[in-house]
C-alpha atoms as a PDB file:
ATOM      1  CA  PRO A   1      20.072 -12.844  -0.664  1.00  0.00           C
ATOM      2  CA  LYS A   2      18.930 -14.520   2.543  1.00  0.00           C
ATOM      3  CA  TYR A   3      15.309 -15.077   1.539  1.00  0.00           C
ATOM      4  CA  ILE A   4      16.311 -16.190  -1.953  1.00  0.00           C
ATOM      5  CA  ALA A   5      18.568 -18.819  -0.374  1.00  0.00           C
ATOM      6  CA  GLN A   6      15.722 -19.870   1.933  1.00  0.00           C
ATOM      7  CA  ILE A   7      13.354 -20.305  -1.015  1.00  0.00           C
ATOM      8  CA  ARG A   8      15.977 -22.364  -2.838  1.00  0.00           C
ATOM      9  CA  ALA A   9      16.298 -24.575   0.249  1.00  0.00           C
ATOM     10  CA  GLY A  10      12.513 -24.995   0.466  1.00  0.00           C
ATOM     11  CA  ASP A  11      12.270 -22.967   3.689  1.00  0.00           C
ATOM     12  CA  TYR A  12       9.344 -20.846   2.519  1.00  0.00           C
ATOM     13  CA  GLU A  13       8.237 -19.862   6.024  1.00  0.00           C
ATOM     14  CA  GLY A  14      11.756 -18.659   6.761  1.00  0.00           C
ATOM     15  CA  ALA A  15      11.690 -16.593   3.556  1.00  0.00           C
ATOM     16  CA  VAL A  16       8.415 -14.931   4.592  1.00  0.00           C
ATOM     17  CA  ASN A  17       9.829 -14.078   8.015  1.00  0.00           C
ATOM     18  CA  THR A  18      13.015 -12.678   6.467  1.00  0.00           C
ATOM     19  CA  ILE A  19      11.086 -10.378   4.110  1.00  0.00           C
ATOM     20  CA  ARG A  20       8.789  -9.265   6.928  1.00  0.00           C
ATOM     21  CA  GLU A  21      11.761  -8.150   9.041  1.00  0.00           C
ATOM     22  CA  ARG A  22      11.843  -5.018   6.870  1.00  0.00           C
ATOM     23  CA  ASN A  23       8.612  -5.051   4.875  1.00  0.00           C
ATOM     24  CA  PRO A  24       5.107  -5.899   6.179  1.00  0.00           C
ATOM     25  CA  LEU A  25       3.503  -5.409   2.736  1.00  0.00           C
ATOM     26  CA  LEU A  26       5.097  -8.309   0.879  1.00  0.00           C
ATOM     27  CA  LEU A  27       1.914  -9.390  -0.928  1.00  0.00           C
ATOM     28  CA  ALA A  28       1.417  -5.889  -2.336  1.00  0.00           C
ATOM     29  CA  CYS A  29       5.085  -5.369  -3.221  1.00  0.00           C
ATOM     30  CA  GLY A  30       5.255  -8.763  -4.924  1.00  0.00           C
ATOM     31  CA  ARG A  31       2.489  -7.618  -7.252  1.00  0.00           C
ATOM     32  CA  VAL A  32       3.053  -3.930  -7.946  1.00  0.00           C
ATOM     33  CA  CYS A  33       6.766  -3.227  -7.438  1.00  0.00           C
ATOM     34  CA  PRO A  34       8.408  -2.200 -10.767  1.00  0.00           C
ATOM     35  CA  HIS A  35      11.581  -3.998  -9.535  1.00  0.00           C
ATOM     36  CA  PRO A  36      14.255  -1.601 -10.913  1.00  0.00           C
ATOM     37  CA  CYS A  37      16.817  -3.701  -9.018  1.00  0.00           C
ATOM     38  CA  GLU A  38      16.456  -6.416 -11.660  1.00  0.00           C
ATOM     39  CA  GLU A  39      17.677  -4.053 -14.383  1.00  0.00           C
ATOM     40  CA  ASN A  40      20.924  -3.625 -12.450  1.00  0.00           C
ATOM     41  CA  CYS A  41      21.272  -7.235 -11.297  1.00  0.00           C
ATOM     42  CA  ARG A  42      24.833  -8.493 -11.896  1.00  0.00           C
ATOM     43  CA  ARG A  43      23.453 -11.918 -12.789  1.00  0.00           C
ATOM     44  CA  GLY A  44      22.077 -10.331 -15.959  1.00  0.00           C
ATOM     45  CA  ILE A  45      25.615 -10.062 -17.317  1.00  0.00           C
ATOM     46  CA  GLU A  46      25.893 -13.864 -17.305  1.00  0.00           C
ATOM     47  CA  ASP A  47      22.339 -14.842 -18.322  1.00  0.00           C
ATOM     48  CA  ASP A  48      19.180 -13.435 -16.702  1.00  0.00           C
ATOM     49  CA  PRO A  49      18.638 -11.199 -13.656  1.00  0.00           C
ATOM     50  CA  VAL A  50      17.412 -12.827 -10.449  1.00  0.00           C
ATOM     51  CA  SER A  51      13.621 -12.565 -10.589  1.00  0.00           C
ATOM     52  CA  ILE A  52      13.458 -11.174  -7.093  1.00  0.00           C
ATOM     53  CA  ASN A  53       9.979  -9.669  -7.484  1.00  0.00           C
ATOM     54  CA  GLN A  54       8.411 -12.987  -8.462  1.00  0.00           C
ATOM     55  CA  LEU A  55      10.298 -14.710  -5.646  1.00  0.00           C
ATOM     56  CA  LYS A  56       8.870 -12.225  -3.130  1.00  0.00           C
ATOM     57  CA  ARG A  57       5.383 -12.806  -4.536  1.00  0.00           C
ATOM     58  CA  PHE A  58       5.856 -16.582  -4.375  1.00  0.00           C
ATOM     59  CA  ALA A  59       6.843 -16.465  -0.705  1.00  0.00           C
ATOM     60  CA  ALA A  60       4.024 -14.068   0.179  1.00  0.00           C
ATOM     61  CA  ASP A  61       1.428 -16.159  -1.671  1.00  0.00           C
ATOM     62  CA  TYR A  62       2.721 -19.288   0.055  1.00  0.00           C
ATOM     63  CA  GLU A  63       1.680 -17.885   3.429  1.00  0.00           C
ATOM     64  CA  MET A  64      -1.656 -16.520   2.184  1.00  0.00           C
ATOM     65  CA  ASN A  65      -2.589 -19.817   0.508  1.00  0.00           C
ATOM     66  CA  ALA A  66      -1.390 -21.986   3.404  1.00  0.00           C
ATOM     67  CA  GLY A  67      -4.572 -21.247   5.366  1.00  0.00           C
ATOM     68  CA  GLU A  68      -2.929 -19.787   8.454  1.00  0.00           C
ATOM     69  CA  ARG A  69      -0.723 -16.816   9.238  1.00  0.00           C
ATOM     70  CA  LEU A  70       2.825 -17.163  10.473  1.00  0.00           C
ATOM     71  CA  PRO A  71       3.152 -15.754  13.995  1.00  0.00           C
ATOM     72  CA  VAL A  72       4.659 -12.266  14.281  1.00  0.00           C
ATOM     73  CA  PRO A  73       6.414 -11.659  17.615  1.00  0.00           C
ATOM     74  CA  VAL A  74       5.457  -8.542  19.584  1.00  0.00           C
ATOM     75  CA  ALA A  75       7.581  -7.110  22.418  1.00  0.00           C
ATOM     76  CA  PRO A  76       6.139  -6.652  25.928  1.00  0.00           C
ATOM     77  CA  PRO A  77       4.005  -3.507  26.432  1.00  0.00           C
ATOM     78  CA  THR A  78       6.003  -0.306  26.848  1.00  0.00           C
ATOM     79  CA  GLY A  79       3.117   1.845  28.062  1.00  0.00           C
ATOM     80  CA  LYS A  80       3.710   4.243  25.158  1.00  0.00           C
ATOM     81  CA  HIS A  81       0.904   5.133  22.723  1.00  0.00           C
ATOM     82  CA  ALA A  82       1.433   6.492  19.213  1.00  0.00           C
ATOM     83  CA  ALA A  83      -1.056   8.031  16.774  1.00  0.00           C
ATOM     84  CA  VAL A  84      -0.547   7.239  13.084  1.00  0.00           C
ATOM     85  CA  VAL A  85      -2.288   9.701  10.773  1.00  0.00           C
ATOM     86  CA  GLY A  86      -2.890   8.005   7.419  1.00  0.00           C
ATOM     87  CA  GLY A  87      -3.554   4.332   6.789  1.00  0.00           C
ATOM     88  CA  GLY A  88      -1.680   3.957   3.516  1.00  0.00           C
ATOM     89  CA  PRO A  89       1.578   2.041   2.978  1.00  0.00           C
ATOM     90  CA  ALA A  90       3.635   4.434   5.135  1.00  0.00           C
ATOM     91  CA  GLY A  91       1.133   4.524   7.999  1.00  0.00           C
ATOM     92  CA  LEU A  92       0.545   0.771   7.979  1.00  0.00           C
ATOM     93  CA  THR A  93       4.279   0.083   7.960  1.00  0.00           C
ATOM     94  CA  CYS A  94       4.901   2.544  10.783  1.00  0.00           C
ATOM     95  CA  ALA A  95       2.050   1.039  12.835  1.00  0.00           C
ATOM     96  CA  PHE A  96       3.374  -2.489  12.221  1.00  0.00           C
ATOM     97  CA  PHE A  97       6.877  -1.786  13.507  1.00  0.00           C
ATOM     98  CA  LEU A  98       5.742   0.396  16.429  1.00  0.00           C
ATOM     99  CA  ARG A  99       3.380  -2.367  17.529  1.00  0.00           C
ATOM    100  CA  ARG A 100       6.122  -4.993  17.244  1.00  0.00           C
ATOM    101  CA  LEU A 101       8.243  -2.845  19.576  1.00  0.00           C
ATOM    102  CA  GLY A 102       5.476  -3.092  22.173  1.00  0.00           C
ATOM    103  CA  HIS A 103       3.852   0.319  21.758  1.00  0.00           C
ATOM    104  CA  ASP A 104       0.087   0.857  21.519  1.00  0.00           C
ATOM    105  CA  VAL A 105      -0.890   2.264  18.117  1.00  0.00           C
ATOM    106  CA  THR A 106      -4.014   3.985  16.789  1.00  0.00           C
ATOM    107  CA  ILE A 107      -4.437   4.699  13.063  1.00  0.00           C
ATOM    108  CA  TYR A 108      -6.586   7.598  11.821  1.00  0.00           C
ATOM    109  CA  GLU A 109      -7.604   7.300   8.145  1.00  0.00           C
ATOM    110  CA  ALA A 110      -9.589   9.793   6.058  1.00  0.00           C
ATOM    111  CA  MET A 111     -11.015   7.221   3.627  1.00  0.00           C
ATOM    112  CA  PRO A 112     -13.602   4.507   4.430  1.00  0.00           C
ATOM    113  CA  LYS A 113     -10.958   1.752   4.255  1.00  0.00           C
ATOM    114  CA  LEU A 114      -7.237   1.415   4.898  1.00  0.00           C
ATOM    115  CA  GLY A 115      -4.681   1.003   2.145  1.00  0.00           C
ATOM    116  CA  GLY A 116      -4.217   4.494   0.722  1.00  0.00           C
ATOM    117  CA  MET A 117      -2.929   4.426  -2.849  1.00  0.00           C
ATOM    118  CA  LEU A 118      -2.675   0.631  -2.716  1.00  0.00           C
ATOM    119  CA  ARG A 119      -6.488   0.578  -2.509  1.00  0.00           C
ATOM    120  CA  TYR A 120      -7.564   3.787  -4.222  1.00  0.00           C
ATOM    121  CA  GLY A 121      -4.789   4.289  -6.765  1.00  0.00           C
ATOM    122  CA  ILE A 122      -3.826   0.795  -7.969  1.00  0.00           C
ATOM    123  CA  PRO A 123      -6.531  -1.003  -9.999  1.00  0.00           C
ATOM    124  CA  GLU A 124      -8.085  -4.317  -8.992  1.00  0.00           C
ATOM    125  CA  TYR A 125      -6.394  -6.283 -11.782  1.00  0.00           C
ATOM    126  CA  ARG A 126      -2.933  -5.305 -10.496  1.00  0.00           C
ATOM    127  CA  LEU A 127      -3.639  -5.673  -6.790  1.00  0.00           C
ATOM    128  CA  PRO A 128      -6.868  -7.554  -5.942  1.00  0.00           C
ATOM    129  CA  LYS A 129      -8.638  -5.983  -2.967  1.00  0.00           C
ATOM    130  CA  LYS A 130      -9.102  -9.344  -1.236  1.00  0.00           C
ATOM    131  CA  VAL A 131      -5.309  -9.796  -1.268  1.00  0.00           C
ATOM    132  CA  LEU A 132      -4.796  -6.296   0.120  1.00  0.00           C
ATOM    133  CA  ASP A 133      -7.469  -6.882   2.783  1.00  0.00           C
ATOM    134  CA  TRP A 134      -5.717 -10.095   3.889  1.00  0.00           C
ATOM    135  CA  GLU A 135      -2.398  -8.291   4.199  1.00  0.00           C
ATOM    136  CA  ILE A 136      -3.849  -5.361   6.165  1.00  0.00           C
ATOM    137  CA  GLU A 137      -5.787  -7.745   8.414  1.00  0.00           C
ATOM    138  CA  GLY A 138      -2.514  -9.425   9.370  1.00  0.00           C
ATOM    139  CA  ILE A 139      -1.024  -6.069  10.424  1.00  0.00           C
ATOM    140  CA  LEU A 140      -4.069  -5.017  12.443  1.00  0.00           C
ATOM    141  CA  SER A 141      -4.291  -8.409  14.152  1.00  0.00           C
ATOM    142  CA  LEU A 142      -1.181  -7.498  16.156  1.00  0.00           C
ATOM    143  CA  GLY A 143      -3.494  -5.281  18.202  1.00  0.00           C
ATOM    144  CA  ILE A 144      -3.752  -1.980  16.330  1.00  0.00           C
ATOM    145  CA  GLU A 145      -6.772   0.310  16.777  1.00  0.00           C
ATOM    146  CA  VAL A 146      -8.260   1.975  13.687  1.00  0.00           C
ATOM    147  CA  HIS A 147     -10.561   4.951  13.078  1.00  0.00           C
ATOM    148  CA  THR A 148     -11.649   5.455   9.453  1.00  0.00           C
ATOM    149  CA  ASN A 149     -13.467   8.438   7.885  1.00  0.00           C
ATOM    150  CA  MET A 150     -11.376  10.661  10.140  1.00  0.00           C
ATOM    151  CA  LYS A 151      -9.663  13.442   8.204  1.00  0.00           C
ATOM    152  CA  PHE A 152      -6.748  15.405   9.620  1.00  0.00           C
ATOM    153  CA  GLY A 153      -7.632  19.099   9.869  1.00  0.00           C
ATOM    154  CA  ARG A 154     -11.370  18.399   9.699  1.00  0.00           C
ATOM    155  CA  ASP A 155     -12.193  15.831  12.389  1.00  0.00           C
ATOM    156  CA  PHE A 156      -9.053  16.213  14.505  1.00  0.00           C
ATOM    157  CA  ASP A 157      -5.705  17.999  14.557  1.00  0.00           C
ATOM    158  CA  LEU A 158      -2.347  17.894  16.340  1.00  0.00           C
ATOM    159  CA  ALA A 159      -3.768  19.769  19.324  1.00  0.00           C
ATOM    160  CA  SER A 160      -6.555  17.224  19.852  1.00  0.00           C
ATOM    161  CA  LEU A 161      -4.105  14.326  19.496  1.00  0.00           C
ATOM    162  CA  THR A 162      -1.808  15.944  22.052  1.00  0.00           C
ATOM    163  CA  ALA A 163      -4.772  16.449  24.372  1.00  0.00           C
ATOM    164  CA  LYS A 164      -5.515  12.719  24.155  1.00  0.00           C
ATOM    165  CA  GLY A 165      -2.081  12.013  25.564  1.00  0.00           C
ATOM    166  CA  TYR A 166      -0.299  10.350  22.644  1.00  0.00           C
ATOM    167  CA  ASP A 167       3.442  10.056  23.171  1.00  0.00           C
ATOM    168  CA  ALA A 168       4.189  10.398  19.455  1.00  0.00           C
ATOM    169  CA  VAL A 169       2.398  11.246  16.199  1.00  0.00           C
ATOM    170  CA  PHE A 170       3.363   9.953  12.752  1.00  0.00           C
ATOM    171  CA  LEU A 171       2.000  11.890   9.761  1.00  0.00           C
ATOM    172  CA  GLY A 172       1.668   9.708   6.667  1.00  0.00           C
ATOM    173  CA  ILE A 173      -1.053  11.623   4.828  1.00  0.00           C
ATOM    174  CA  GLY A 174       0.186  10.758   1.336  1.00  0.00           C
ATOM    175  CA  ALA A 175       0.396  12.773  -1.881  1.00  0.00           C
ATOM    176  CA  TRP A 176      -3.158  12.796  -3.197  1.00  0.00           C
ATOM    177  CA  GLN A 177      -2.959  16.144  -4.998  1.00  0.00           C
ATOM    178  CA  ASP A 178      -2.416  15.745  -8.736  1.00  0.00           C
ATOM    179  CA  SER A 179      -0.037  18.044 -10.578  1.00  0.00           C
ATOM    180  CA  LYS A 180      -1.735  20.443 -12.964  1.00  0.00           C
ATOM    181  CA  LEU A 181      -0.744  20.746 -16.618  1.00  0.00           C
ATOM    182  CA  ARG A 182      -1.265  24.537 -16.452  1.00  0.00           C
ATOM    183  CA  VAL A 183      -2.930  24.535 -19.860  1.00  0.00           C
ATOM    184  CA  GLU A 184      -6.175  26.138 -20.959  1.00  0.00           C
ATOM    185  CA  GLY A 185      -9.233  23.917 -20.624  1.00  0.00           C
ATOM    186  CA  GLU A 186      -7.924  21.375 -18.125  1.00  0.00           C
ATOM    187  CA  ASN A 187     -10.766  22.231 -15.722  1.00  0.00           C
ATOM    188  CA  LEU A 188     -13.516  21.673 -18.293  1.00  0.00           C
ATOM    189  CA  LYS A 189     -16.159  19.002 -17.787  1.00  0.00           C
ATOM    190  CA  GLY A 190     -14.833  15.598 -18.882  1.00  0.00           C
ATOM    191  CA  CYS A 191     -11.219  16.366 -17.988  1.00  0.00           C
ATOM    192  CA  TYR A 192      -9.797  14.354 -15.097  1.00  0.00           C
ATOM    193  CA  THR A 193      -6.473  14.090 -13.354  1.00  0.00           C
ATOM    194  CA  GLY A 194      -4.968  10.635 -12.954  1.00  0.00           C
ATOM    195  CA  ILE A 195      -5.061  10.054  -9.196  1.00  0.00           C
ATOM    196  CA  ASP A 196      -8.525  11.614  -8.877  1.00  0.00           C
ATOM    197  CA  PHE A 197      -9.852   9.435 -11.721  1.00  0.00           C
ATOM    198  CA  LEU A 198      -8.371   6.195 -10.350  1.00  0.00           C
ATOM    199  CA  SER A 199      -9.406   6.808  -6.740  1.00  0.00           C
ATOM    200  CA  ARG A 200     -12.995   7.648  -7.727  1.00  0.00           C
ATOM    201  CA  LEU A 201     -13.216   4.488  -9.849  1.00  0.00           C
ATOM    202  CA  ALA A 202     -11.767   2.434  -6.990  1.00  0.00           C
ATOM    203  CA  GLY A 203     -14.414   3.914  -4.708  1.00  0.00           C
ATOM    204  CA  GLY A 204     -17.140   2.570  -6.988  1.00  0.00           C
ATOM    205  CA  GLU A 205     -18.144   5.857  -8.609  1.00  0.00           C
ATOM    206  CA  LYS A 206     -19.603   5.752 -12.116  1.00  0.00           C
ATOM    207  CA  ILE A 207     -17.613   8.362 -14.017  1.00  0.00           C
ATOM    208  CA  PRO A 208     -18.978   9.590 -17.374  1.00  0.00           C
ATOM    209  CA  VAL A 209     -16.178   9.234 -19.932  1.00  0.00           C
ATOM    210  CA  GLY A 210     -17.981   9.299 -23.282  1.00  0.00           C
ATOM    211  CA  ARG A 211     -16.981   7.061 -26.209  1.00  0.00           C
ATOM    212  CA  SER A 212     -13.351   8.037 -26.670  1.00  0.00           C
ATOM    213  CA  ALA A 213     -10.594   9.431 -24.471  1.00  0.00           C
ATOM    214  CA  VAL A 214      -7.133  10.947 -24.642  1.00  0.00           C
ATOM    215  CA  ILE A 215      -4.474  10.151 -22.043  1.00  0.00           C
ATOM    216  CA  ILE A 216      -1.741  12.744 -21.510  1.00  0.00           C
ATOM    217  CA  GLY A 217       1.294  10.995 -20.015  1.00  0.00           C
ATOM    218  CA  GLY A 218       2.879   7.579 -20.291  1.00  0.00           C
ATOM    219  CA  GLY A 219       3.786   6.525 -16.759  1.00  0.00           C
ATOM    220  CA  ASN A 220       2.214   3.922 -14.465  1.00  0.00           C
ATOM    221  CA  THR A 221      -0.762   6.147 -13.615  1.00  0.00           C
ATOM    222  CA  ALA A 222      -1.424   6.859 -17.297  1.00  0.00           C
ATOM    223  CA  ILE A 223      -1.348   3.160 -18.181  1.00  0.00           C
ATOM    224  CA  ASP A 224      -3.630   2.311 -15.249  1.00  0.00           C
ATOM    225  CA  CYS A 225      -6.092   4.951 -16.476  1.00  0.00           C
ATOM    226  CA  THR A 226      -5.847   3.548 -20.014  1.00  0.00           C
ATOM    227  CA  ARG A 227      -6.525  -0.022 -18.948  1.00  0.00           C
ATOM    228  CA  ASN A 228      -9.433   1.103 -16.792  1.00  0.00           C
ATOM    229  CA  LEU A 229     -10.928   3.018 -19.722  1.00  0.00           C
ATOM    230  CA  ILE A 230     -10.626  -0.036 -21.980  1.00  0.00           C
ATOM    231  CA  ARG A 231     -12.475  -2.075 -19.351  1.00  0.00           C
ATOM    232  CA  LEU A 232     -15.173   0.620 -19.275  1.00  0.00           C
ATOM    233  CA  GLY A 233     -15.619   0.136 -23.017  1.00  0.00           C
END
């Protein structure tokens, strides 16, 4: 309610700061959140639900389009150093709040770029990469160190992180493993799982899909795959 009231009063900077108290990924959320809260909004009984998702996007875009970032306060150094394993939404959020508390933070990410499913699972037309890059840049600018192409269990492990002297380790490695259908033929050439298909497309890979395709499923991932396939012709 607070940031909605601030938007109504024209205090857009205040609205951005209010959202960011709990959520450092307001640009991404304003674009991809399915906003189930609106279905249950009490205002809908009277006329229409409060369009809270569009309001969040409006406030977030206001800052991005203003040409300069709003300052984010950071507490004095604590001398503590945390390792964040995984640079997706969970890892970025954890790093953001740890850094604001004054701790040193280092992110280790397996992929070439940060963002996790925001980058490799959500298509460009839903969340433009330049918007995501701007948001991540704002988090890192607080003074967060990053190592990409570093996979947990391959390039480092808990023992090596402990040996480096980290005071805490946050594991935000994500859920990249698709569920199997457990049906005959699902491993044949030309059959793909949703997350694997979307992440490979997002990485720039040219995936052979033939002239026609069947999508099994009807959720967000299925629709993203469908829209990608239509764009591929």
